[in-house]
Amino acid sequence: MRNGVFGAEGNIMQKIVTNIWSNRNAEEAGAFYAGVFPNARSWVESRYPFEGLLEFQQGLAGEPLTVGVDIDGERITLINAGDEFAPNPSVSLMLNFDPLDFDGDAVAARAQLDTIWEAFADGGSVLMPLQEYPFSARYGWVQDRYGVSWQLMLTDPEGDPRPFLIPALMFGGPVQNRAAAAVDRYLEVFEDTELGQRVPYGQPTGPANEDAVMFSDFRIGEQWFMAMDSGVEQDFSFTCGMSLEARCEDQAEIDRLWEALSAVPAAEQCGWLVDAFGMNWQIVPKNMGELMERPNAFQHLMPMKKIIISDI
């Protein structure tokens, strides 16, 4: 890796990257995920500089800043920081175990699902037991030892094909029953989008009204996402613990997405924003690694709200 804040290794082209806040253990967590999934890998993508750090960052000088993880071609990023934020189940990662990916062998697909489940459950906590449900012959929801939530499902091979890993958004608490409105907004804001399925609850279920979304999925570019309204009361919602990083082609795209999404001016910082539905986004140039090689780039970035490429 070259010197600087952002390294060039692991340049996996992907429009939107799920970012996970880690409590000074991003490198350890990345190695754990790389060991759980077949053919996965992790790498230290960037490090904190030794100068220009904010007060709360002083103890992180020279330490990893971001750790990349490649899981079946889907990139996630672990942000190495402190205990200011933590993941919660409002954003989870759905894993689809499709027998077609195992040469039609449902037994092999189930065996790999069970193996990964055991790794996540070790030191973690079960949110929904691994068992048969009306929507899947085998499904479970687990929060791993690092606080990241995963949904594992044995997929019906006769259904529409979907990627192995899909970020899933659950709307509850202050944004209860707003999943449909959020998805419609994302389909409008981003280019090359498509609504997949949208299934309403049909009747009041806990805090969900009859028109709330029990399940939906949607596509942005080549990536799929899921969204649903919570069917149980919950006292948590979206935070910086799990955010979505949108990688932009140029300043014009940064400006457009920032204007379309940012709804909480007080939350704007270093390319981060919060939208009207409480979701945290990072709106960044796709060549951020290259830009951060510039002299004093970290110091230039810290005071910014919306990123101005020419000022880095």
C-alpha atoms as a PDB file:
ATOM      1  CA  MET A   1       0.000   0.000   0.000  1.00  0.00           C
ATOM      2  CA  ARG A   2       1.275   3.470  -0.817  1.00  0.00           C
ATOM      3  CA  ASN A   3       1.769   6.067   1.891  1.00  0.00           C
ATOM      4  CA  GLY A   4      -1.154   8.342   2.637  1.00  0.00           C
ATOM      5  CA  VAL A   5      -4.604   8.154   4.118  1.00  0.00           C
ATOM      6  CA  PHE A   6      -6.367   6.133   1.460  1.00  0.00           C
ATOM      7  CA  GLY A   7      -4.551   3.300  -0.290  1.00  0.00           C
ATOM      8  CA  ALA A   8      -5.223   1.967  -3.753  1.00  0.00           C
ATOM      9  CA  GLU A   9      -5.444  -1.733  -2.873  1.00  0.00           C
ATOM     10  CA  GLY A  10      -8.822  -3.391  -3.270  1.00  0.00           C
ATOM     11  CA  ASN A  11     -10.270  -1.030  -5.838  1.00  0.00           C
ATOM     12  CA  ILE A  12     -13.479  -2.972  -6.367  1.00  0.00           C
ATOM     13  CA  MET A  13     -15.764  -0.939  -8.634  1.00  0.00           C
ATOM     14  CA  GLN A  14     -19.057  -0.596  -6.808  1.00  0.00           C
ATOM     15  CA  LYS A  15     -21.489   2.332  -6.751  1.00  0.00           C
ATOM     16  CA  ILE A  16     -22.720   1.985  -3.159  1.00  0.00           C
ATOM     17  CA  VAL A  17     -20.649   0.467  -0.359  1.00  0.00           C
ATOM     18  CA  THR A  18     -21.982  -0.485   3.076  1.00  0.00           C
ATOM     19  CA  ASN A  19     -19.817   1.080   5.786  1.00  0.00           C
ATOM     20  CA  ILE A  20     -19.649  -0.355   9.303  1.00  0.00           C
ATOM     21  CA  TRP A  21     -18.395   1.616  12.315  1.00  0.00           C
ATOM     22  CA  SER A  22     -15.898  -0.383  14.381  1.00  0.00           C
ATOM     23  CA  ASN A  23     -14.657   0.272  17.909  1.00  0.00           C
ATOM     24  CA  ARG A  24     -10.873   0.194  17.271  1.00  0.00           C
ATOM     25  CA  ASN A  25     -11.101  -3.396  16.002  1.00  0.00           C
ATOM     26  CA  ALA A  26     -11.757  -2.999  12.260  1.00  0.00           C
ATOM     27  CA  GLU A  27      -8.672  -4.968  11.224  1.00  0.00           C
ATOM     28  CA  GLU A  28      -9.590  -7.812  13.580  1.00  0.00           C
ATOM     29  CA  ALA A  29     -13.194  -7.814  12.352  1.00  0.00           C
ATOM     30  CA  GLY A  30     -12.083  -7.784   8.718  1.00  0.00           C
ATOM     31  CA  ALA A  31      -9.856 -10.807   9.290  1.00  0.00           C
ATOM     32  CA  PHE A  32     -12.761 -12.567  11.000  1.00  0.00           C
ATOM     33  CA  TYR A  33     -15.124 -12.020   8.044  1.00  0.00           C
ATOM     34  CA  ALA A  34     -12.434 -13.044   5.569  1.00  0.00           C
ATOM     35  CA  GLY A  35     -12.103 -16.303   7.488  1.00  0.00           C
ATOM     36  CA  VAL A  36     -15.855 -16.954   7.676  1.00  0.00           C
ATOM     37  CA  PHE A  37     -16.669 -16.725   3.977  1.00  0.00           C
ATOM     38  CA  PRO A  38     -15.126 -18.916   1.268  1.00  0.00           C
ATOM     39  CA  ASN A  39     -12.859 -16.931  -1.069  1.00  0.00           C
ATOM     40  CA  ALA A  40     -13.310 -13.706   0.924  1.00  0.00           C
ATOM     41  CA  ARG A  41     -10.469 -11.344   1.754  1.00  0.00           C
ATOM     42  CA  SER A  42      -9.782  -8.251   3.836  1.00  0.00           C
ATOM     43  CA  TRP A  43      -7.098  -5.575   3.683  1.00  0.00           C
ATOM     44  CA  VAL A  44      -6.127  -2.338   5.403  1.00  0.00           C
ATOM     45  CA  GLU A  45      -7.197   0.206   2.837  1.00  0.00           C
ATOM     46  CA  SER A  46      -6.128   3.393   4.608  1.00  0.00           C
ATOM     47  CA  ARG A  47      -4.457   4.639   7.784  1.00  0.00           C
ATOM     48  CA  TYR A  48      -4.822   7.697   9.969  1.00  0.00           C
ATOM     49  CA  PRO A  49      -2.085  10.273   9.384  1.00  0.00           C
ATOM     50  CA  PHE A  50       0.225  11.302  12.207  1.00  0.00           C
ATOM     51  CA  GLU A  51      -0.695  14.988  11.932  1.00  0.00           C
ATOM     52  CA  GLY A  52      -3.900  16.985  11.625  1.00  0.00           C
ATOM     53  CA  LEU A  53      -6.062  14.656  13.708  1.00  0.00           C
ATOM     54  CA  LEU A  54      -9.002  15.912  15.741  1.00  0.00           C
ATOM     55  CA  GLU A  55      -8.800  15.557  19.511  1.00  0.00           C
ATOM     56  CA  PHE A  56     -10.850  12.351  19.672  1.00  0.00           C
ATOM     57  CA  GLN A  57      -8.632  10.820  16.960  1.00  0.00           C
ATOM     58  CA  GLN A  58      -5.288  11.462  18.653  1.00  0.00           C
ATOM     59  CA  GLY A  59      -4.883   7.896  19.894  1.00  0.00           C
ATOM     60  CA  LEU A  60      -5.411   6.526  16.382  1.00  0.00           C
ATOM     61  CA  ALA A  61      -2.389   8.116  14.663  1.00  0.00           C
ATOM     62  CA  GLY A  62      -0.901   5.605  12.226  1.00  0.00           C
ATOM     63  CA  GLU A  63      -3.631   3.045  12.936  1.00  0.00           C
ATOM     64  CA  PRO A  64      -5.950   1.627  10.261  1.00  0.00           C
ATOM     65  CA  LEU A  65      -8.679   4.059   9.245  1.00  0.00           C
ATOM     66  CA  THR A  66     -10.636   1.875   6.830  1.00  0.00           C
ATOM     67  CA  VAL A  67     -10.501  -1.865   6.247  1.00  0.00           C
ATOM     68  CA  GLY A  68     -11.966  -3.312   3.066  1.00  0.00           C
ATOM     69  CA  VAL A  69     -13.696  -6.686   2.934  1.00  0.00           C
ATOM     70  CA  ASP A  70     -14.639  -8.465  -0.291  1.00  0.00           C
ATOM     71  CA  ILE A  71     -17.419 -11.046   0.145  1.00  0.00           C
ATOM     72  CA  ASP A  72     -18.366 -12.805  -3.087  1.00  0.00           C
ATOM     73  CA  GLY A  73     -17.539  -9.683  -5.076  1.00  0.00           C
ATOM     74  CA  GLU A  74     -19.509  -7.356  -2.774  1.00  0.00           C
ATOM     75  CA  ARG A  75     -17.384  -4.770  -1.017  1.00  0.00           C
ATOM     76  CA  ILE A  76     -18.013  -3.570   2.537  1.00  0.00           C
ATOM     77  CA  THR A  77     -15.855  -1.092   4.449  1.00  0.00           C
ATOM     78  CA  LEU A  78     -15.070  -1.155   8.166  1.00  0.00           C
ATOM     79  CA  ILE A  79     -14.387   2.278   9.671  1.00  0.00           C
ATOM     80  CA  ASN A  80     -11.870   2.071  12.510  1.00  0.00           C
ATOM     81  CA  ALA A  81     -12.829   4.645  15.142  1.00  0.00           C
ATOM     82  CA  GLY A  82     -14.072   4.724  18.744  1.00  0.00           C
ATOM     83  CA  ASP A  83     -17.227   3.893  20.642  1.00  0.00           C
ATOM     84  CA  GLU A  84     -19.174   6.923  19.427  1.00  0.00           C
ATOM     85  CA  PHE A  85     -21.432   4.722  17.275  1.00  0.00           C
ATOM     86  CA  ALA A  86     -22.192   1.032  16.888  1.00  0.00           C
ATOM     87  CA  PRO A  87     -24.141  -1.085  14.384  1.00  0.00           C
ATOM     88  CA  ASN A  88     -27.694  -2.109  15.188  1.00  0.00           C
ATOM     89  CA  PRO A  89     -30.293  -4.285  13.394  1.00  0.00           C
ATOM     90  CA  SER A  90     -31.859  -1.351  11.517  1.00  0.00           C
ATOM     91  CA  VAL A  91     -29.295  -2.156   8.824  1.00  0.00           C
ATOM     92  CA  SER A  92     -28.401  -5.802   8.295  1.00  0.00           C
ATOM     93  CA  LEU A  93     -26.742  -7.858   5.593  1.00  0.00           C
ATOM     94  CA  MET A  94     -28.895 -10.516   3.935  1.00  0.00           C
ATOM     95  CA  LEU A  95     -27.113 -13.638   2.690  1.00  0.00           C
ATOM     96  CA  ASN A  96     -28.909 -15.675   0.026  1.00  0.00           C
ATOM     97  CA  PHE A  97     -27.871 -19.316  -0.190  1.00  0.00           C
ATOM     98  CA  ASP A  98     -29.268 -20.350  -3.561  1.00  0.00           C
ATOM     99  CA  PRO A  99     -28.948 -24.056  -4.424  1.00  0.00           C
ATOM    100  CA  LEU A 100     -28.292 -23.011  -8.041  1.00  0.00           C
ATOM    101  CA  ASP A 101     -24.970 -21.596  -6.846  1.00  0.00           C
ATOM    102  CA  PHE A 102     -24.126 -25.063  -5.526  1.00  0.00           C
ATOM    103  CA  ASP A 103     -24.857 -26.920  -8.775  1.00  0.00           C
ATOM    104  CA  GLY A 104     -28.450 -27.358  -7.674  1.00  0.00           C
ATOM    105  CA  ASP A 105     -27.454 -29.094  -4.441  1.00  0.00           C
ATOM    106  CA  ALA A 106     -29.746 -27.746  -1.701  1.00  0.00           C
ATOM    107  CA  VAL A 107     -27.964 -29.900   0.892  1.00  0.00           C
ATOM    108  CA  ALA A 108     -24.628 -28.218   0.110  1.00  0.00           C
ATOM    109  CA  ALA A 109     -26.234 -24.758   0.203  1.00  0.00           C
ATOM    110  CA  ARG A 110     -27.791 -25.529   3.574  1.00  0.00           C
ATOM    111  CA  ALA A 111     -24.513 -26.896   4.922  1.00  0.00           C
ATOM    112  CA  GLN A 112     -22.648 -23.688   4.062  1.00  0.00           C
ATOM    113  CA  LEU A 113     -25.453 -21.601   5.553  1.00  0.00           C
ATOM    114  CA  ASP A 114     -25.192 -23.587   8.796  1.00  0.00           C
ATOM    115  CA  THR A 115     -21.409 -23.240   8.911  1.00  0.00           C
ATOM    116  CA  ILE A 116     -21.536 -19.456   8.532  1.00  0.00           C
ATOM    117  CA  TRP A 117     -24.396 -19.241  11.050  1.00  0.00           C
ATOM    118  CA  GLU A 118     -22.326 -21.074  13.650  1.00  0.00           C
ATOM    119  CA  ALA A 119     -19.419 -18.661  13.142  1.00  0.00           C
ATOM    120  CA  PHE A 120     -21.662 -15.631  13.624  1.00  0.00           C
ATOM    121  CA  ALA A 121     -23.551 -17.093  16.583  1.00  0.00           C
ATOM    122  CA  ASP A 122     -20.268 -17.843  18.392  1.00  0.00           C
ATOM    123  CA  GLY A 123     -19.905 -14.828  20.656  1.00  0.00           C
ATOM    124  CA  GLY A 124     -22.951 -13.169  19.093  1.00  0.00           C
ATOM    125  CA  SER A 125     -26.685 -13.158  19.792  1.00  0.00           C
ATOM    126  CA  VAL A 126     -29.611 -14.729  17.938  1.00  0.00           C
ATOM    127  CA  LEU A 127     -32.371 -12.318  16.874  1.00  0.00           C
ATOM    128  CA  MET A 128     -34.507 -14.926  15.060  1.00  0.00           C
ATOM    129  CA  PRO A 129     -33.733 -18.649  15.489  1.00  0.00           C
ATOM    130  CA  LEU A 130     -32.345 -20.610  12.573  1.00  0.00           C
ATOM    131  CA  GLN A 131     -35.296 -22.761  11.487  1.00  0.00           C
ATOM    132  CA  GLU A 132     -38.057 -23.144   8.897  1.00  0.00           C
ATOM    133  CA  TYR A 133     -40.374 -20.186   8.279  1.00  0.00           C
ATOM    134  CA  PRO A 134     -43.297 -19.696   5.851  1.00  0.00           C
ATOM    135  CA  PHE A 135     -41.005 -17.714   3.526  1.00  0.00           C
ATOM    136  CA  SER A 136     -37.984 -20.033   3.656  1.00  0.00           C
ATOM    137  CA  ALA A 137     -37.116 -23.622   4.485  1.00  0.00           C
ATOM    138  CA  ARG A 138     -34.201 -22.318   6.545  1.00  0.00           C
ATOM    139  CA  TYR A 139     -33.703 -18.793   7.819  1.00  0.00           C
ATOM    140  CA  GLY A 140     -32.167 -17.038  10.810  1.00  0.00           C
ATOM    141  CA  TRP A 141     -31.174 -13.558  11.965  1.00  0.00           C
ATOM    142  CA  VAL A 142     -28.049 -13.170  14.082  1.00  0.00           C
ATOM    143  CA  GLN A 143     -25.949 -10.331  15.479  1.00  0.00           C
ATOM    144  CA  ASP A 144     -22.273 -11.286  15.431  1.00  0.00           C
ATOM    145  CA  ARG A 145     -19.568 -10.591  18.042  1.00  0.00           C
ATOM    146  CA  TYR A 146     -18.895  -7.184  16.445  1.00  0.00           C
ATOM    147  CA  GLY A 147     -22.541  -6.105  16.606  1.00  0.00           C
ATOM    148  CA  VAL A 148     -23.229  -6.542  12.877  1.00  0.00           C
ATOM    149  CA  SER A 149     -26.586  -8.132  12.001  1.00  0.00           C
ATOM    150  CA  TRP A 150     -26.844 -10.837   9.351  1.00  0.00           C
ATOM    151  CA  GLN A 151     -29.888 -12.551   7.858  1.00  0.00           C
ATOM    152  CA  LEU A 152     -29.171 -15.990   6.399  1.00  0.00           C
ATOM    153  CA  MET A 153     -31.738 -17.578   4.101  1.00  0.00           C
ATOM    154  CA  LEU A 154     -31.946 -20.733   2.014  1.00  0.00           C
ATOM    155  CA  THR A 155     -33.297 -19.295  -1.225  1.00  0.00           C
ATOM    156  CA  ASP A 156     -35.943 -20.840  -3.476  1.00  0.00           C
ATOM    157  CA  PRO A 157     -34.095 -21.484  -6.760  1.00  0.00           C
ATOM    158  CA  GLU A 158     -37.329 -20.886  -8.704  1.00  0.00           C
ATOM    159  CA  GLY A 159     -37.490 -17.268  -7.559  1.00  0.00           C
ATOM    160  CA  ASP A 160     -35.936 -14.245  -9.222  1.00  0.00           C
ATOM    161  CA  PRO A 161     -32.134 -14.401  -9.005  1.00  0.00           C
ATOM    162  CA  ARG A 162     -30.555 -12.117  -6.419  1.00  0.00           C
ATOM    163  CA  PRO A 163     -26.937 -11.537  -5.301  1.00  0.00           C
ATOM    164  CA  PHE A 164     -25.466 -13.463  -2.393  1.00  0.00           C
ATOM    165  CA  LEU A 165     -25.159 -10.350  -0.179  1.00  0.00           C
ATOM    166  CA  ILE A 166     -27.823  -7.634  -0.030  1.00  0.00           C
ATOM    167  CA  PRO A 167     -27.908  -4.691   2.411  1.00  0.00           C
ATOM    168  CA  ALA A 168     -31.285  -4.613   4.190  1.00  0.00           C
ATOM    169  CA  LEU A 169     -32.900  -1.513   5.732  1.00  0.00           C
ATOM    170  CA  MET A 170     -35.507  -1.836   8.506  1.00  0.00           C
ATOM    171  CA  PHE A 171     -37.648   1.231   9.182  1.00  0.00           C
ATOM    172  CA  GLY A 172     -38.836   1.504  12.779  1.00  0.00           C
ATOM    173  CA  GLY A 173     -39.035   3.884  15.699  1.00  0.00           C
ATOM    174  CA  PRO A 174     -39.180   7.482  14.388  1.00  0.00           C
ATOM    175  CA  VAL A 175     -39.267   6.290  10.749  1.00  0.00           C
ATOM    176  CA  GLN A 176     -41.829   3.518  11.217  1.00  0.00           C
ATOM    177  CA  ASN A 177     -43.980   2.860   8.123  1.00  0.00           C
ATOM    178  CA  ARG A 178     -41.773   4.987   5.864  1.00  0.00           C
ATOM    179  CA  ALA A 179     -40.030   2.198   3.934  1.00  0.00           C
ATOM    180  CA  ALA A 180     -42.100   2.654   0.768  1.00  0.00           C
ATOM    181  CA  ALA A 181     -41.573   6.419   0.721  1.00  0.00           C
ATOM    182  CA  ALA A 182     -37.823   5.997   1.264  1.00  0.00           C
ATOM    183  CA  VAL A 183     -37.445   3.442  -1.503  1.00  0.00           C
ATOM    184  CA  ASP A 184     -39.472   5.584  -3.904  1.00  0.00           C
ATOM    185  CA  ARG A 185     -37.163   8.490  -3.121  1.00  0.00           C
ATOM    186  CA  TYR A 186     -34.012   6.451  -3.713  1.00  0.00           C
ATOM    187  CA  LEU A 187     -35.409   5.185  -7.021  1.00  0.00           C
ATOM    188  CA  GLU A 188     -36.001   8.798  -8.043  1.00  0.00           C
ATOM    189  CA  VAL A 189     -32.658  10.196  -6.880  1.00  0.00           C
ATOM    190  CA  PHE A 190     -30.274   7.582  -8.266  1.00  0.00           C
ATOM    191  CA  GLU A 191     -29.807   6.606 -11.898  1.00  0.00           C
ATOM    192  CA  ASP A 192     -30.551   3.188 -13.408  1.00  0.00           C
ATOM    193  CA  THR A 193     -32.960   1.979 -10.737  1.00  0.00           C
ATOM    194  CA  GLU A 194     -35.705  -0.620 -10.537  1.00  0.00           C
ATOM    195  CA  LEU A 195     -38.333  -1.651  -8.002  1.00  0.00           C
ATOM    196  CA  GLY A 196     -38.409  -5.399  -7.474  1.00  0.00           C
ATOM    197  CA  GLN A 197     -40.996  -6.844  -5.108  1.00  0.00           C
ATOM    198  CA  ARG A 198     -43.100  -4.858  -2.652  1.00  0.00           C
ATOM    199  CA  VAL A 199     -45.316  -6.830  -0.291  1.00  0.00           C
ATOM    200  CA  PRO A 200     -47.521  -4.963   2.225  1.00  0.00           C
ATOM    201  CA  TYR A 201     -48.441  -6.355   5.628  1.00  0.00           C
ATOM    202  CA  GLY A 202     -52.123  -6.251   4.626  1.00  0.00           C
ATOM    203  CA  GLN A 203     -53.248  -5.840   8.218  1.00  0.00           C
ATOM    204  CA  PRO A 204     -51.927  -3.972  11.259  1.00  0.00           C
ATOM    205  CA  THR A 205     -48.948  -5.835  12.743  1.00  0.00           C
ATOM    206  CA  GLY A 206     -47.456  -4.298  15.862  1.00  0.00           C
ATOM    207  CA  PRO A 207     -46.447  -0.731  14.896  1.00  0.00           C
ATOM    208  CA  ALA A 208     -46.807  -1.515  11.170  1.00  0.00           C
ATOM    209  CA  ASN A 209     -50.070  -0.407   9.572  1.00  0.00           C
ATOM    210  CA  GLU A 210     -51.814  -2.424   6.880  1.00  0.00           C
ATOM    211  CA  ASP A 211     -50.085  -0.518   4.061  1.00  0.00           C
ATOM    212  CA  ALA A 212     -46.608  -0.792   5.611  1.00  0.00           C
ATOM    213  CA  VAL A 213     -43.967  -2.803   3.776  1.00  0.00           C
ATOM    214  CA  MET A 214     -43.425  -6.346   5.017  1.00  0.00           C
ATOM    215  CA  PHE A 215     -40.793  -6.964   2.320  1.00  0.00           C
ATOM    216  CA  SER A 216     -39.439  -5.093  -0.657  1.00  0.00           C
ATOM    217  CA  ASP A 217     -36.314  -5.024  -2.749  1.00  0.00           C
ATOM    218  CA  PHE A 218     -34.955  -2.533  -5.234  1.00  0.00           C
ATOM    219  CA  ARG A 219     -31.985  -2.102  -7.551  1.00  0.00           C
ATOM    220  CA  ILE A 220     -29.538   0.782  -7.931  1.00  0.00           C
ATOM    221  CA  GLY A 221     -27.209   0.110 -10.845  1.00  0.00           C
ATOM    222  CA  GLU A 222     -26.093  -3.496 -10.534  1.00  0.00           C
ATOM    223  CA  GLN A 223     -26.725  -3.700  -6.782  1.00  0.00           C
ATOM    224  CA  TRP A 224     -29.820  -4.881  -4.935  1.00  0.00           C
ATOM    225  CA  PHE A 225     -31.119  -3.625  -1.594  1.00  0.00           C
ATOM    226  CA  MET A 226     -33.958  -4.645   0.697  1.00  0.00           C
ATOM    227  CA  ALA A 227     -36.318  -2.503   2.777  1.00  0.00           C
ATOM    228  CA  MET A 228     -39.082  -3.266   5.253  1.00  0.00           C
ATOM    229  CA  ASP A 229     -41.093  -1.684   8.050  1.00  0.00           C
ATOM    230  CA  SER A 230     -40.613  -3.239  11.457  1.00  0.00           C
ATOM    231  CA  GLY A 231     -43.463  -5.430  12.665  1.00  0.00           C
ATOM    232  CA  VAL A 232     -42.432  -5.053  16.312  1.00  0.00           C
ATOM    233  CA  GLU A 233     -41.818  -2.025  18.497  1.00  0.00           C
ATOM    234  CA  GLN A 234     -38.157  -1.030  18.577  1.00  0.00           C
ATOM    235  CA  ASP A 235     -36.244   1.703  20.348  1.00  0.00           C
ATOM    236  CA  PHE A 236     -33.468   2.015  17.749  1.00  0.00           C
ATOM    237  CA  SER A 237     -33.183   3.285  14.208  1.00  0.00           C
ATOM    238  CA  PHE A 238     -30.520   4.304  11.702  1.00  0.00           C
ATOM    239  CA  THR A 239     -27.228   5.745  12.976  1.00  0.00           C
ATOM    240  CA  CYS A 240     -23.663   6.268  11.749  1.00  0.00           C
ATOM    241  CA  GLY A 241     -23.035   2.707  12.939  1.00  0.00           C
ATOM    242  CA  MET A 242     -24.063   1.501   9.473  1.00  0.00           C
ATOM    243  CA  SER A 243     -24.015   3.914   6.549  1.00  0.00           C
ATOM    244  CA  LEU A 244     -24.171   3.754   2.771  1.00  0.00           C
ATOM    245  CA  GLU A 245     -21.313   5.287   0.800  1.00  0.00           C
ATOM    246  CA  ALA A 246     -22.257   6.534  -2.663  1.00  0.00           C
ATOM    247  CA  ARG A 247     -19.232   6.814  -4.964  1.00  0.00           C
ATOM    248  CA  CYS A 248     -19.685   9.669  -7.421  1.00  0.00           C
ATOM    249  CA  GLU A 249     -18.197  10.245 -10.846  1.00  0.00           C
ATOM    250  CA  ASP A 250     -17.481  13.953 -10.368  1.00  0.00           C
ATOM    251  CA  GLN A 251     -18.338  17.116  -8.420  1.00  0.00           C
ATOM    252  CA  ALA A 252     -21.582  17.533 -10.342  1.00  0.00           C
ATOM    253  CA  GLU A 253     -22.861  14.162  -9.120  1.00  0.00           C
ATOM    254  CA  ILE A 254     -21.749  14.928  -5.557  1.00  0.00           C
ATOM    255  CA  ASP A 255     -23.649  18.217  -5.717  1.00  0.00           C
ATOM    256  CA  ARG A 256     -26.781  16.575  -7.125  1.00  0.00           C
ATOM    257  CA  LEU A 257     -26.948  13.735  -4.593  1.00  0.00           C
ATOM    258  CA  TRP A 258     -26.116  16.035  -1.693  1.00  0.00           C
ATOM    259  CA  GLU A 259     -28.913  18.427  -2.636  1.00  0.00           C
ATOM    260  CA  ALA A 260     -31.377  15.572  -3.138  1.00  0.00           C
ATOM    261  CA  LEU A 261     -30.608  13.602   0.032  1.00  0.00           C
ATOM    262  CA  SER A 262     -29.353  15.861   2.821  1.00  0.00           C
ATOM    263  CA  ALA A 263     -32.192  16.704   5.247  1.00  0.00           C
ATOM    264  CA  VAL A 264     -30.400  17.358   8.569  1.00  0.00           C
ATOM    265  CA  PRO A 265     -27.917  20.240   8.217  1.00  0.00           C
ATOM    266  CA  ALA A 266     -26.467  19.625  11.700  1.00  0.00           C
ATOM    267  CA  ALA A 267     -25.420  16.121  10.626  1.00  0.00           C
ATOM    268  CA  GLU A 268     -23.402  17.245   7.607  1.00  0.00           C
ATOM    269  CA  GLN A 269     -19.709  16.504   8.101  1.00  0.00           C
ATOM    270  CA  CYS A 270     -16.828  15.216   5.937  1.00  0.00           C
ATOM    271  CA  GLY A 271     -19.144  13.993   3.192  1.00  0.00           C
ATOM    272  CA  TRP A 272     -21.627  12.445   5.643  1.00  0.00           C
ATOM    273  CA  LEU A 273     -25.323  13.355   5.597  1.00  0.00           C
ATOM    274  CA  VAL A 274     -28.623  12.134   7.018  1.00  0.00           C
ATOM    275  CA  ASP A 275     -31.605  11.900   4.674  1.00  0.00           C
ATOM    276  CA  ALA A 276     -35.290  12.566   5.358  1.00  0.00           C
ATOM    277  CA  PHE A 277     -35.740   8.973   6.515  1.00  0.00           C
ATOM    278  CA  GLY A 278     -32.861   8.981   9.004  1.00  0.00           C
ATOM    279  CA  MET A 279     -30.495   6.959   6.812  1.00  0.00           C
ATOM    280  CA  ASN A 280     -26.814   7.935   6.948  1.00  0.00           C
ATOM    281  CA  TRP A 281     -25.001   8.400   3.632  1.00  0.00           C
ATOM    282  CA  GLN A 282     -21.453   9.254   2.639  1.00  0.00           C
ATOM    283  CA  ILE A 283     -21.329  11.106  -0.682  1.00  0.00           C
ATOM    284  CA  VAL A 284     -17.761  10.826  -1.944  1.00  0.00           C
ATOM    285  CA  PRO A 285     -15.805  10.911  -5.221  1.00  0.00           C
ATOM    286  CA  LYS A 286     -15.050   7.457  -6.567  1.00  0.00           C
ATOM    287  CA  ASN A 287     -11.328   8.288  -6.691  1.00  0.00           C
ATOM    288  CA  MET A 288     -11.206   9.247  -3.015  1.00  0.00           C
ATOM    289  CA  GLY A 289      -8.071   7.162  -2.482  1.00  0.00           C
ATOM    290  CA  GLU A 290      -6.194   9.071  -5.156  1.00  0.00           C
ATOM    291  CA  LEU A 291      -7.390  12.430  -3.847  1.00  0.00           C
ATOM    292  CA  MET A 292      -6.284  11.642  -0.313  1.00  0.00           C
ATOM    293  CA  GLU A 293      -2.732  11.193  -1.551  1.00  0.00           C
ATOM    294  CA  ARG A 294      -2.558  14.966  -1.968  1.00  0.00           C
ATOM    295  CA  PRO A 295      -0.482  16.895   0.617  1.00  0.00           C
ATOM    296  CA  ASN A 296      -2.458  17.679   3.792  1.00  0.00           C
ATOM    297  CA  ALA A 297      -5.589  16.089   2.295  1.00  0.00           C
ATOM    298  CA  PHE A 298      -6.805  14.789   5.660  1.00  0.00           C
ATOM    299  CA  GLN A 299      -6.581  18.253   7.220  1.00  0.00           C
ATOM    300  CA  HIS A 300      -8.432  19.749   4.255  1.00  0.00           C
ATOM    301  CA  LEU A 301     -11.186  17.139   4.460  1.00  0.00           C
ATOM    302  CA  MET A 302     -11.956  17.410   8.188  1.00  0.00           C
ATOM    303  CA  PRO A 303     -13.650  20.861   8.154  1.00  0.00           C
ATOM    304  CA  MET A 304     -15.744  20.085   5.047  1.00  0.00           C
ATOM    305  CA  LYS A 305     -19.438  19.297   5.031  1.00  0.00           C
ATOM    306  CA  LYS A 306     -20.147  18.478   1.390  1.00  0.00           C
ATOM    307  CA  ILE A 307     -16.901  17.359  -0.223  1.00  0.00           C
ATOM    308  CA  ILE A 308     -15.418  19.859  -2.655  1.00  0.00           C
ATOM    309  CA  ILE A 309     -12.958  17.916  -4.770  1.00  0.00           C
ATOM    310  CA  SER A 310     -10.875  20.930  -5.765  1.00  0.00           C
ATOM    311  CA  ASP A 311     -10.343  21.882  -2.103  1.00  0.00           C
ATOM    312  CA  ILE A 312      -8.932  18.543  -0.956  1.00  0.00           C
END
